[in-house]
Amino acid sequence: MTAPRDPATCAALRDTLDRVGSKWALAIISSTRDAPVRFAALERSLDGISRRMLSLTLRELERDGLLERRVHPTTPPQVEYLATDMARELHDTVAHLSGWAVRHRDAVASARAEYDGSRP
């Protein structure tokens, strides 16, 4: 597969990769991959995320079609989030990329050391 060269396509691709590569997006997708998760449970499971950042990231992922938001008519309303099929596909793709990174981390570290050692 060749990389897109059209500037508009590149910009759209960069926008999408920036979104899914944000600090919390993949953790949220991973947490909601197999079953619906309530807001409070997500907040507890994501150490260091603020309520505001969680809300913002959930909204962005929902807007992008990566999360489904389910509101149950209770008092107070119960809200759950679930990864969509598109998000599950993304999760699987990232898992492959992560596997590649683990398999090649020593080679990358060696290449960096060699490069850095050869620079004046």
C-alpha atoms as a PDB file:
ATOM      1  CA  MET A   1       0.000   0.000   0.000  1.00  0.00           C
ATOM      2  CA  THR A   2       1.399   3.371  -0.950  1.00  0.00           C
ATOM      3  CA  ALA A   3       1.032   6.451   1.188  1.00  0.00           C
ATOM      4  CA  PRO A   4      -1.464   9.067  -0.018  1.00  0.00           C
ATOM      5  CA  ARG A   5       0.137  12.096  -1.645  1.00  0.00           C
ATOM      6  CA  ASP A   6      -2.877  14.342  -2.091  1.00  0.00           C
ATOM      7  CA  PRO A   7      -2.664  17.134   0.521  1.00  0.00           C
ATOM      8  CA  ALA A   8      -6.368  16.913   1.408  1.00  0.00           C
ATOM      9  CA  THR A   9      -6.124  13.145   1.904  1.00  0.00           C
ATOM     10  CA  CYS A  10      -2.964  13.551   3.975  1.00  0.00           C
ATOM     11  CA  ALA A  11      -4.662  16.170   6.164  1.00  0.00           C
ATOM     12  CA  ALA A  12      -7.702  13.940   6.719  1.00  0.00           C
ATOM     13  CA  LEU A  13      -5.458  10.981   7.514  1.00  0.00           C
ATOM     14  CA  ARG A  14      -3.391  13.044   9.972  1.00  0.00           C
ATOM     15  CA  ASP A  15      -6.581  14.274  11.675  1.00  0.00           C
ATOM     16  CA  THR A  16      -7.849  10.721  12.132  1.00  0.00           C
ATOM     17  CA  LEU A  17      -4.507   9.390  13.366  1.00  0.00           C
ATOM     18  CA  ASP A  18      -4.169  12.305  15.791  1.00  0.00           C
ATOM     19  CA  ARG A  19      -7.589  11.505  17.220  1.00  0.00           C
ATOM     20  CA  VAL A  20      -7.083   7.792  17.713  1.00  0.00           C
ATOM     21  CA  GLY A  21      -3.497   8.301  18.817  1.00  0.00           C
ATOM     22  CA  SER A  22      -4.401  10.713  21.581  1.00  0.00           C
ATOM     23  CA  LYS A  23      -3.336   9.894  25.116  1.00  0.00           C
ATOM     24  CA  TRP A  24      -6.666   8.361  26.206  1.00  0.00           C
ATOM     25  CA  ALA A  25      -8.483   7.233  23.048  1.00  0.00           C
ATOM     26  CA  LEU A  26      -6.984   3.757  22.720  1.00  0.00           C
ATOM     27  CA  ALA A  27      -7.309   3.076  26.444  1.00  0.00           C
ATOM     28  CA  ILE A  28     -11.006   3.974  26.274  1.00  0.00           C
ATOM     29  CA  ILE A  29     -11.541   1.859  23.166  1.00  0.00           C
ATOM     30  CA  SER A  30      -9.770  -1.052  24.842  1.00  0.00           C
ATOM     31  CA  SER A  31     -11.891  -0.658  27.980  1.00  0.00           C
ATOM     32  CA  THR A  32     -15.149  -0.646  26.013  1.00  0.00           C
ATOM     33  CA  ARG A  33     -14.204  -3.298  23.451  1.00  0.00           C
ATOM     34  CA  ASP A  34     -15.958  -6.309  24.954  1.00  0.00           C
ATOM     35  CA  ALA A  35     -18.865  -4.908  26.959  1.00  0.00           C
ATOM     36  CA  PRO A  36     -20.628  -1.633  27.749  1.00  0.00           C
ATOM     37  CA  VAL A  37     -18.909   0.389  30.476  1.00  0.00           C
ATOM     38  CA  ARG A  38     -20.399   3.137  32.619  1.00  0.00           C
ATOM     39  CA  PHE A  39     -18.746   6.541  32.879  1.00  0.00           C
ATOM     40  CA  ALA A  40     -17.767   6.087  36.535  1.00  0.00           C
ATOM     41  CA  ALA A  41     -16.204   2.682  35.827  1.00  0.00           C
ATOM     42  CA  LEU A  42     -14.173   4.171  32.978  1.00  0.00           C
ATOM     43  CA  GLU A  43     -13.045   7.003  35.211  1.00  0.00           C
ATOM     44  CA  ARG A  44     -11.878   4.538  37.885  1.00  0.00           C
ATOM     45  CA  SER A  45     -10.079   2.313  35.387  1.00  0.00           C
ATOM     46  CA  LEU A  46      -8.125   5.097  33.658  1.00  0.00           C
ATOM     47  CA  ASP A  47      -5.629   6.248  36.246  1.00  0.00           C
ATOM     48  CA  GLY A  48      -4.821   9.938  35.856  1.00  0.00           C
ATOM     49  CA  ILE A  49      -7.668  11.016  33.567  1.00  0.00           C
ATOM     50  CA  SER A  50      -9.756  13.971  34.682  1.00  0.00           C
ATOM     51  CA  ARG A  51     -13.554  13.954  34.423  1.00  0.00           C
ATOM     52  CA  ARG A  52     -13.338  16.775  31.888  1.00  0.00           C
ATOM     53  CA  MET A  53     -10.809  14.926  29.694  1.00  0.00           C
ATOM     54  CA  LEU A  54     -12.818  11.710  29.900  1.00  0.00           C
ATOM     55  CA  SER A  55     -15.995  13.537  28.885  1.00  0.00           C
ATOM     56  CA  LEU A  56     -14.235  15.307  26.024  1.00  0.00           C
ATOM     57  CA  THR A  57     -12.578  12.139  24.714  1.00  0.00           C
ATOM     58  CA  LEU A  58     -15.807  10.123  24.962  1.00  0.00           C
ATOM     59  CA  ARG A  59     -17.629  12.827  23.016  1.00  0.00           C
ATOM     60  CA  GLU A  60     -14.931  12.905  20.310  1.00  0.00           C
ATOM     61  CA  LEU A  61     -14.884   9.115  19.957  1.00  0.00           C
ATOM     62  CA  GLU A  62     -18.679   9.042  19.752  1.00  0.00           C
ATOM     63  CA  ARG A  63     -18.615  11.814  17.120  1.00  0.00           C
ATOM     64  CA  ASP A  64     -16.086   9.829  15.080  1.00  0.00           C
ATOM     65  CA  GLY A  65     -18.248   6.706  15.183  1.00  0.00           C
ATOM     66  CA  LEU A  66     -15.867   4.771  17.430  1.00  0.00           C
ATOM     67  CA  LEU A  67     -18.104   4.636  20.500  1.00  0.00           C
ATOM     68  CA  GLU A  68     -21.787   4.036  20.978  1.00  0.00           C
ATOM     69  CA  ARG A  69     -23.373   5.939  23.868  1.00  0.00           C
ATOM     70  CA  ARG A  70     -26.348   4.232  25.484  1.00  0.00           C
ATOM     71  CA  VAL A  71     -28.599   6.136  27.879  1.00  0.00           C
ATOM     72  CA  HIS A  72     -30.912   4.055  30.059  1.00  0.00           C
ATOM     73  CA  PRO A  73     -34.053   5.834  31.305  1.00  0.00           C
ATOM     74  CA  THR A  74     -33.382   5.588  35.018  1.00  0.00           C
ATOM     75  CA  THR A  75     -33.105   8.225  37.726  1.00  0.00           C
ATOM     76  CA  PRO A  76     -30.406   9.369  37.485  1.00  0.00           C
ATOM     77  CA  PRO A  77     -29.861   8.330  33.868  1.00  0.00           C
ATOM     78  CA  GLN A  78     -27.421   5.453  33.462  1.00  0.00           C
ATOM     79  CA  VAL A  79     -24.994   6.063  30.594  1.00  0.00           C
ATOM     80  CA  GLU A  80     -22.820   3.329  29.099  1.00  0.00           C
ATOM     81  CA  TYR A  81     -20.265   3.354  26.330  1.00  0.00           C
ATOM     82  CA  LEU A  82     -19.453   0.532  23.941  1.00  0.00           C
ATOM     83  CA  ALA A  83     -16.841   0.317  21.182  1.00  0.00           C
ATOM     84  CA  THR A  84     -18.311   0.070  17.687  1.00  0.00           C
ATOM     85  CA  ASP A  85     -17.244  -2.510  15.111  1.00  0.00           C
ATOM     86  CA  MET A  86     -14.985   0.136  13.565  1.00  0.00           C
ATOM     87  CA  ALA A  87     -13.305   0.704  16.958  1.00  0.00           C
ATOM     88  CA  ARG A  88     -12.836  -3.035  17.452  1.00  0.00           C
ATOM     89  CA  GLU A  89     -11.129  -3.227  14.067  1.00  0.00           C
ATOM     90  CA  LEU A  90      -8.894  -0.319  15.099  1.00  0.00           C
ATOM     91  CA  HIS A  91      -8.079  -2.093  18.363  1.00  0.00           C
ATOM     92  CA  ASP A  92      -7.046  -5.242  16.483  1.00  0.00           C
ATOM     93  CA  THR A  93      -4.912  -3.193  14.076  1.00  0.00           C
ATOM     94  CA  VAL A  94      -3.163  -1.410  16.948  1.00  0.00           C
ATOM     95  CA  ALA A  95      -2.570  -4.774  18.649  1.00  0.00           C
ATOM     96  CA  HIS A  96      -0.693  -5.904  15.513  1.00  0.00           C
ATOM     97  CA  LEU A  97       1.332  -2.681  15.495  1.00  0.00           C
ATOM     98  CA  SER A  98       2.093  -3.120  19.197  1.00  0.00           C
ATOM     99  CA  GLY A  99       3.286  -6.649  18.530  1.00  0.00           C
ATOM    100  CA  TRP A 100       5.594  -5.349  15.821  1.00  0.00           C
ATOM    101  CA  ALA A 101       6.970  -2.722  18.229  1.00  0.00           C
ATOM    102  CA  VAL A 102       7.649  -5.342  20.907  1.00  0.00           C
ATOM    103  CA  ARG A 103       9.329  -7.704  18.430  1.00  0.00           C
ATOM    104  CA  HIS A 104      11.593  -4.959  17.055  1.00  0.00           C
ATOM    105  CA  ARG A 105      12.271  -2.770  20.097  1.00  0.00           C
ATOM    106  CA  ASP A 106      15.770  -4.185  20.609  1.00  0.00           C
ATOM    107  CA  ALA A 107      16.656  -3.678  16.938  1.00  0.00           C
ATOM    108  CA  VAL A 108      15.364  -0.095  17.053  1.00  0.00           C
ATOM    109  CA  ALA A 109      17.328   0.603  20.242  1.00  0.00           C
ATOM    110  CA  SER A 110      20.479  -0.827  18.638  1.00  0.00           C
ATOM    111  CA  ALA A 111      19.980   1.226  15.472  1.00  0.00           C
ATOM    112  CA  ARG A 112      19.514   4.387  17.534  1.00  0.00           C
ATOM    113  CA  ALA A 113      22.641   3.698  19.593  1.00  0.00           C
ATOM    114  CA  GLU A 114      24.660   3.035  16.428  1.00  0.00           C
ATOM    115  CA  TYR A 115      23.315   6.180  14.762  1.00  0.00           C
ATOM    116  CA  ASP A 116      23.923   8.320  17.840  1.00  0.00           C
ATOM    117  CA  GLY A 117      27.439   6.899  18.234  1.00  0.00           C
ATOM    118  CA  SER A 118      28.352   7.741  14.647  1.00  0.00           C
ATOM    119  CA  ARG A 119      27.219  11.377  14.904  1.00  0.00           C
ATOM    120  CA  PRO A 120      29.797  14.042  15.798  1.00  0.00           C
END
